[in-house]
Amino acid sequence: MTAKKALITGITGQDGSYLAELLLEKGYWVHGIARRASTFNTERIDHLYEDPHHPQARLFLHYGDLTDGSRLANLLESIRPDEVYHLAAQSHVRVSFDEPEFTGNCTGLGTTRLLEAIRSVGLPCRFYQASSSEMFGSTPPPQCEETPFHPRSPYGVAKVYAYWATRNYREAYGIYAVNGILFNHESPRRGPTFVTRKVASAAARIKAGLQDLVYLGNLEARRDWGYAAEYVEAMWRMLQQEEADDYVIATGTSHSVRDFVELCFEHVGLDWRDHVRFDERYVRPSEVDHLVGDAAKAERLLGWKPTVRTPELARLMVDAELGALSRPSVPAAPTPGRAVLAPVS
């Protein structure tokens, strides 16, 4: 049997790196789209790298951007993937208030560009859209696939647009397209400006004597936090079903930001109240107060269940930060032939 080919947008991000690992383990050929940058931004997937000239290489990167529809179409035509996992976006909710136009262009219209490229090329692939619990916004929990959307940020609004674009291309053109409505999913690979990683890092650094305070915004917002490495398995399972459908992925549990802070600092034997300060710059103009997902449909039809809940996740993330602090510093220059993961086209 010929191995499947997958294309991942956002492969250098948290979810993209875990998904690439999973697909490579399953024997896929994996292609990823990365934006051009003047600095190396492939840290999360460097451990997967093999020289693309090597006959055993199964991971390949390509330059591309969600604002360039012709490039997306050319890549789809040349790669001919069996599965497309669309994870790329301007994904920081607070930043979306500062950059609403860019967020809409990238996170919203970028999805339409990719779907239209699939349609125009005539590619018989399966398409996964990374939808978000932020689409529910102020709608009371628990939230499931039938819950009405009421987004409270430009990011949430853009994700609602992308959700309905995916549904429209499925219904209008028969494209196998699914929405994975993932609730908050975190890991040691989360970006350092996201609150869970920021708190876990601060707890470890304060314990090590490298800083004394961390500044946060709203501590009362409640979220359903799961482990990103488990959530990518659900993404893959969605594309293996006979019929395309939409699924909520969540743990069904709820904790406040304050709870997460307390869990992280307690894990290193510190009282968080001695080290956390409020900064209004981190408060959103409109807040999402409470998100809790009902993933019963995913458990029933995909056979997917989470095993890591928020308390375990907090400890896992803090331990990763402590481990990173105990290791020797990584040299600034990339290791020749290893860390230089240059796109192949």
Protein backbone atom coordinates (compact mmCIF):
# COMPACT_ATOMS: atom_id res chain seq x y z
CA MET A 1 0.00 0.00 0.00
CA THR A 2 1.33 3.43 -0.97
CA ALA A 3 1.87 5.68 2.05
CA LYS A 4 -0.48 8.64 2.37
CA LYS A 5 0.70 12.20 1.92
CA ALA A 6 -0.39 14.94 4.32
CA LEU A 7 0.00 18.70 4.06
CA ILE A 8 0.05 20.69 7.31
CA THR A 9 -0.32 24.45 7.42
CA GLY A 10 1.13 25.82 10.64
CA ILE A 11 3.51 22.88 10.96
CA THR A 12 6.01 24.93 12.99
CA GLY A 13 3.43 25.66 15.69
CA GLN A 14 2.49 23.65 18.76
CA ASP A 15 -0.23 21.54 17.14
CA GLY A 16 1.62 21.23 13.85
CA SER A 17 4.69 19.74 15.51
CA TYR A 18 2.70 17.15 17.46
CA LEU A 19 0.63 16.28 14.38
CA ALA A 20 3.76 15.89 12.24
CA GLU A 21 5.16 13.46 14.82
CA LEU A 22 1.94 11.46 14.82
CA LEU A 23 1.66 11.24 11.05
CA LEU A 24 5.31 10.27 10.61
CA GLU A 25 4.81 7.49 13.17
CA LYS A 26 1.86 6.30 11.08
CA GLY A 27 4.03 6.13 7.96
CA TYR A 28 2.82 9.27 6.18
CA TRP A 29 4.85 11.49 3.91
CA VAL A 30 4.47 14.86 5.61
CA HIS A 31 4.69 18.23 3.89
CA GLY A 32 4.46 21.46 5.83
CA ILE A 33 3.93 25.09 4.90
CA ALA A 34 6.12 27.60 6.73
CA ARG A 35 6.19 31.38 6.43
CA ARG A 36 9.47 32.95 5.39
CA ALA A 37 11.25 34.65 8.29
CA SER A 38 14.69 36.18 8.75
CA THR A 39 15.25 34.00 11.83
CA PHE A 40 14.96 30.26 12.35
CA ASN A 41 11.46 29.36 13.54
CA THR A 42 11.50 25.58 13.29
CA GLU A 43 12.50 24.69 16.87
CA ARG A 44 9.42 22.56 17.48
CA ILE A 45 10.14 20.24 14.54
CA ASP A 46 13.94 20.26 14.39
CA HIS A 47 14.02 16.85 16.09
CA LEU A 48 12.03 15.43 13.15
CA TYR A 49 14.42 16.75 10.54
CA GLU A 50 16.26 14.62 8.01
CA ASP A 51 18.18 16.01 5.08
CA PRO A 52 15.57 16.19 2.29
CA HIS A 53 18.14 14.68 -0.08
CA HIS A 54 18.28 11.52 2.05
CA PRO A 55 16.28 8.63 0.54
CA GLN A 56 14.57 8.00 3.91
CA ALA A 57 13.41 11.59 4.37
CA ARG A 58 9.65 11.84 4.92
CA LEU A 59 9.28 15.44 6.11
CA PHE A 60 9.46 18.36 3.69
CA LEU A 61 8.87 22.08 4.18
CA HIS A 62 7.71 24.64 1.66
CA TYR A 63 7.47 28.42 1.85
CA GLY A 64 3.91 29.67 1.74
CA ASP A 65 1.46 32.12 3.28
CA LEU A 66 -2.29 32.10 3.81
CA THR A 67 -2.57 35.51 2.16
CA ASP A 68 -1.20 34.13 -1.16
CA GLY A 69 -3.87 32.02 -2.83
CA SER A 70 -1.88 31.30 -6.00
CA ARG A 71 0.99 29.87 -3.96
CA LEU A 72 -1.41 27.63 -2.05
CA ALA A 73 -2.88 26.33 -5.31
CA ASN A 74 0.59 25.66 -6.76
CA LEU A 75 1.63 23.74 -3.66
CA LEU A 76 -1.51 21.62 -3.69
CA GLU A 77 -1.01 20.86 -7.37
CA SER A 78 2.61 19.79 -6.92
CA ILE A 79 2.25 17.86 -3.62
CA ARG A 80 -1.17 16.26 -4.29
CA PRO A 81 -1.81 15.45 -0.61
CA ASP A 82 -4.39 12.91 0.51
CA GLU A 83 -5.09 14.90 3.66
CA VAL A 84 -4.79 18.63 4.39
CA TYR A 85 -4.62 19.78 8.00
CA HIS A 86 -5.23 23.51 8.19
CA LEU A 87 -3.77 24.68 11.51
CA ALA A 88 -2.15 27.99 10.56
CA ALA A 89 -3.69 31.24 11.83
CA GLN A 90 -3.06 34.42 13.74
CA SER A 91 -3.99 32.52 16.87
CA HIS A 92 -3.42 34.89 19.78
CA VAL A 93 -6.80 36.13 21.02
CA ARG A 94 -5.54 39.26 22.80
CA VAL A 95 -3.38 40.25 19.81
CA SER A 96 -6.41 39.93 17.52
CA PHE A 97 -7.87 43.07 19.15
CA ASP A 98 -4.72 44.96 18.13
CA GLU A 99 -4.59 43.42 14.63
CA PRO A 100 -8.22 42.71 13.69
CA GLU A 101 -7.79 43.22 9.95
CA PHE A 102 -4.76 40.94 9.69
CA THR A 103 -6.51 38.34 11.86
CA GLY A 104 -9.54 38.35 9.57
CA ASN A 105 -7.38 38.16 6.44
CA CYS A 106 -5.20 35.32 7.74
CA THR A 107 -7.45 33.32 10.05
CA GLY A 108 -10.72 33.84 8.20
CA LEU A 109 -10.04 34.47 4.51
CA GLY A 110 -6.95 32.26 4.60
CA THR A 111 -9.24 29.26 5.08
CA THR A 112 -11.34 30.25 2.08
CA ARG A 113 -8.21 30.65 -0.04
CA LEU A 114 -7.09 27.15 0.85
CA LEU A 115 -10.51 25.60 0.25
CA GLU A 116 -10.86 27.42 -3.05
CA ALA A 117 -7.41 26.20 -4.08
CA ILE A 118 -8.49 22.62 -3.33
CA ARG A 119 -11.65 23.13 -5.39
CA SER A 120 -9.96 24.82 -8.34
CA VAL A 121 -7.16 22.22 -8.52
CA GLY A 122 -9.77 19.46 -8.34
CA LEU A 123 -7.89 17.72 -5.56
CA PRO A 124 -9.74 14.73 -4.05
CA CYS A 125 -8.27 15.25 -0.57
CA ARG A 126 -9.72 15.33 2.93
CA PHE A 127 -9.60 18.70 4.69
CA TYR A 128 -9.36 19.49 8.40
CA GLN A 129 -10.16 22.99 9.66
CA ALA A 130 -8.83 23.98 13.09
CA SER A 131 -11.90 25.59 14.60
CA SER A 132 -11.89 27.01 18.12
CA SER A 133 -13.92 27.12 21.32
CA GLU A 134 -13.51 30.92 21.11
CA MET A 135 -16.34 30.79 18.55
CA PHE A 136 -18.78 30.12 21.41
CA GLY A 137 -17.68 33.23 23.26
CA SER A 138 -20.38 34.32 25.71
CA THR A 139 -22.73 31.38 25.05
CA PRO A 140 -23.22 29.59 28.42
CA PRO A 141 -21.45 26.26 28.96
CA PRO A 142 -21.33 23.38 28.37
CA GLN A 143 -20.74 23.89 24.65
CA CYS A 144 -21.21 21.15 22.06
CA GLU A 145 -21.54 20.90 18.27
CA GLU A 146 -25.09 22.32 18.37
CA THR A 147 -24.32 25.29 20.65
CA PRO A 148 -24.87 28.71 18.99
CA PHE A 149 -21.80 30.85 18.35
CA HIS A 150 -21.32 34.25 20.01
CA PRO A 151 -17.65 35.20 19.51
CA ARG A 152 -16.14 37.94 21.67
CA SER A 153 -12.92 38.74 19.80
CA PRO A 154 -11.74 39.36 16.23
CA TYR A 155 -10.06 35.95 16.47
CA GLY A 156 -13.33 34.27 17.40
CA VAL A 157 -15.16 36.12 14.63
CA ALA A 158 -12.56 35.02 12.06
CA LYS A 159 -12.82 31.42 13.25
CA VAL A 160 -16.61 31.51 12.87
CA TYR A 161 -16.15 32.70 9.28
CA ALA A 162 -13.68 29.87 8.63
CA TYR A 163 -16.03 27.34 10.23
CA TRP A 164 -18.90 28.29 7.94
CA ALA A 165 -16.64 28.45 4.89
CA THR A 166 -15.63 24.85 5.62
CA ARG A 167 -19.28 23.80 6.00
CA ASN A 168 -20.18 25.64 2.77
CA TYR A 169 -17.47 23.96 0.68
CA ARG A 170 -18.56 20.59 2.07
CA GLU A 171 -22.21 21.19 1.18
CA ALA A 172 -21.75 23.12 -2.08
CA TYR A 173 -18.89 21.18 -3.68
CA GLY A 174 -18.84 17.82 -1.92
CA ILE A 175 -15.36 18.36 -0.48
CA TYR A 176 -14.59 16.10 2.47
CA ALA A 177 -14.13 18.94 4.95
CA VAL A 178 -14.44 18.76 8.74
CA ASN A 179 -14.30 21.27 11.58
CA GLY A 180 -12.44 20.21 14.70
CA ILE A 181 -13.74 22.54 17.42
CA LEU A 182 -10.88 22.20 19.87
CA PHE A 183 -11.11 23.71 23.32
CA ASN A 184 -7.93 25.12 24.89
CA HIS A 185 -5.10 22.65 24.48
CA GLU A 186 -1.67 23.37 25.90
CA SER A 187 1.78 21.82 26.22
CA PRO A 188 5.43 22.70 26.81
CA ARG A 189 5.49 23.68 23.11
CA ARG A 190 2.90 26.41 23.58
CA GLY A 191 4.09 29.90 22.60
CA PRO A 192 5.66 31.81 25.51
CA THR A 193 3.08 34.64 25.41
CA PHE A 194 0.08 32.32 25.96
CA VAL A 195 -1.05 32.40 29.56
CA THR A 196 -0.47 28.74 30.44
CA ARG A 197 3.10 28.71 29.14
CA LYS A 198 3.76 32.16 30.61
CA VAL A 199 2.65 30.99 34.06
CA ALA A 200 4.49 27.65 33.92
CA SER A 201 7.67 29.39 32.79
CA ALA A 202 7.38 32.04 35.49
CA ALA A 203 6.89 29.47 38.25
CA ALA A 204 10.02 27.60 37.16
CA ARG A 205 12.11 30.75 36.71
CA ILE A 206 11.03 32.22 40.05
CA LYS A 207 11.86 28.94 41.76
CA ALA A 208 15.29 29.08 40.12
CA GLY A 209 15.83 32.68 41.24
CA LEU A 210 15.83 34.07 37.71
CA GLN A 211 12.86 36.41 38.19
CA ASP A 212 10.60 37.49 41.00
CA LEU A 213 7.27 38.59 39.50
CA VAL A 214 4.91 37.74 36.65
CA TYR A 215 2.21 40.11 35.36
CA LEU A 216 -1.18 38.75 34.32
CA GLY A 217 -4.63 39.99 33.36
CA ASN A 218 -8.01 38.47 34.19
CA LEU A 219 -7.58 35.61 36.67
CA GLU A 220 -11.29 34.70 36.82
CA ALA A 221 -11.80 33.48 33.24
CA ARG A 222 -12.50 29.74 33.21
CA ARG A 223 -11.29 27.38 30.52
CA ASP A 224 -11.36 23.71 29.56
CA TRP A 225 -7.63 22.93 29.27
CA GLY A 226 -6.36 19.71 27.68
CA TYR A 227 -3.07 18.35 26.39
CA ALA A 228 -2.22 19.24 22.78
CA ALA A 229 -0.33 15.99 22.13
CA GLU A 230 -3.59 14.08 22.72
CA TYR A 231 -5.75 16.44 20.70
CA VAL A 232 -3.89 15.89 17.41
CA GLU A 233 -4.93 12.22 17.54
CA ALA A 234 -8.54 13.43 17.38
CA MET A 235 -7.70 15.54 14.31
CA TRP A 236 -6.39 12.47 12.51
CA ARG A 237 -9.36 10.34 13.52
CA MET A 238 -11.79 12.89 12.09
CA LEU A 239 -10.31 12.43 8.62
CA GLN A 240 -10.52 8.63 8.82
CA GLN A 241 -14.33 8.55 9.11
CA GLU A 242 -16.55 7.51 6.20
CA GLU A 243 -18.53 10.77 6.32
CA ALA A 244 -17.25 14.28 6.97
CA ASP A 245 -18.64 15.88 10.13
CA ASP A 246 -17.78 18.41 12.84
CA TYR A 247 -16.59 17.52 16.34
CA VAL A 248 -15.95 19.21 19.68
CA ILE A 249 -12.72 18.07 21.38
CA ALA A 250 -12.46 18.87 25.09
CA THR A 251 -11.97 17.40 28.57
CA GLY A 252 -15.34 18.48 29.98
CA THR A 253 -13.67 20.10 32.99
CA SER A 254 -13.28 23.74 33.97
CA HIS A 255 -10.60 25.71 35.83
CA SER A 256 -9.94 29.41 36.21
CA VAL A 257 -6.69 31.12 35.30
CA ARG A 258 -6.26 31.59 39.05
CA ASP A 259 -6.55 27.81 39.51
CA PHE A 260 -3.88 27.20 36.89
CA VAL A 261 -1.57 29.74 38.49
CA GLU A 262 -2.04 28.13 41.90
CA LEU A 263 -1.37 24.64 40.50
CA CYS A 264 1.88 25.74 38.83
CA PHE A 265 3.28 27.62 41.82
CA GLU A 266 2.17 24.95 44.28
CA HIS A 267 4.10 22.39 42.23
CA VAL A 268 7.36 24.26 42.94
CA GLY A 269 6.49 24.97 46.57
CA LEU A 270 5.70 28.68 46.20
CA ASP A 271 2.75 30.87 47.15
CA TRP A 272 1.56 32.46 43.90
CA ARG A 273 0.22 35.51 45.73
CA ASP A 274 3.79 36.58 46.50
CA HIS A 275 4.75 36.67 42.82
CA VAL A 276 1.69 37.48 40.63
CA ARG A 277 0.73 41.06 39.81
CA PHE A 278 -2.16 42.45 37.78
CA ASP A 279 -1.55 44.40 34.57
CA GLU A 280 -4.56 45.81 32.72
CA ARG A 281 -2.71 45.61 29.39
CA TYR A 282 -3.47 41.89 29.37
CA VAL A 283 -7.23 42.36 29.80
CA ARG A 284 -9.31 41.88 26.65
CA PRO A 285 -11.83 44.58 25.63
CA SER A 286 -14.51 41.87 25.74
CA GLU A 287 -13.92 38.70 27.73
CA VAL A 288 -14.99 35.09 27.32
CA ASP A 289 -15.89 34.10 30.86
CA HIS A 290 -16.48 30.37 30.77
CA LEU A 291 -15.76 27.61 28.25
CA VAL A 292 -16.40 23.92 28.94
CA GLY A 293 -16.67 21.45 26.09
CA ASP A 294 -18.96 18.46 25.71
CA ALA A 295 -16.99 15.93 23.63
CA ALA A 296 -19.54 13.09 23.88
CA LYS A 297 -19.90 12.92 20.09
CA ALA A 298 -16.14 12.50 19.60
CA GLU A 299 -16.04 9.76 22.23
CA ARG A 300 -18.98 7.96 20.63
CA LEU A 301 -18.01 8.23 16.96
CA LEU A 302 -14.22 8.66 17.02
CA GLY A 303 -13.44 6.60 20.10
CA TRP A 304 -11.43 9.54 21.46
CA LYS A 305 -11.13 10.39 25.16
CA PRO A 306 -8.67 12.69 26.95
CA THR A 307 -6.45 11.31 29.71
CA VAL A 308 -4.62 14.49 30.82
CA ARG A 309 -6.66 17.04 32.76
CA THR A 310 -5.67 20.53 33.96
CA PRO A 311 -3.86 19.57 37.20
CA GLU A 312 -1.67 17.02 35.40
CA LEU A 313 -1.14 19.46 32.54
CA ALA A 314 0.07 22.22 34.87
CA ARG A 315 2.60 19.90 36.51
CA LEU A 316 3.72 18.56 33.15
CA MET A 317 4.36 22.05 31.81
CA VAL A 318 6.21 23.25 34.90
CA ASP A 319 8.41 20.14 34.90
CA ALA A 320 9.30 20.81 31.27
CA GLU A 321 10.30 24.38 32.15
CA LEU A 322 12.42 23.19 35.08
CA GLY A 323 14.07 20.63 32.83
CA ALA A 324 14.87 23.25 30.21
CA LEU A 325 16.48 25.49 32.85
CA SER A 326 18.68 22.64 34.06
CA ARG A 327 20.05 21.89 30.60
CA PRO A 328 23.04 23.71 29.09
CA SER A 329 22.18 26.68 26.92
CA VAL A 330 21.62 25.88 23.26
CA PRO A 331 24.20 27.62 21.03
CA ALA A 332 22.87 30.51 18.99
CA ALA A 333 24.15 29.09 15.71
CA PRO A 334 22.20 26.08 14.36
CA THR A 335 23.93 22.72 14.21
CA PRO A 336 25.06 22.17 10.59
CA GLY A 337 22.82 19.72 8.75
CA ARG A 338 20.40 19.41 11.64
CA ALA A 339 18.79 22.60 12.94
CA VAL A 340 18.88 24.27 9.52
CA LEU A 341 15.52 23.04 8.34
CA ALA A 342 15.30 25.02 5.14
CA PRO A 343 12.15 24.62 3.04
CA VAL A 344 12.74 22.51 -0.04
CA SER A 345 10.78 24.73 -2.43
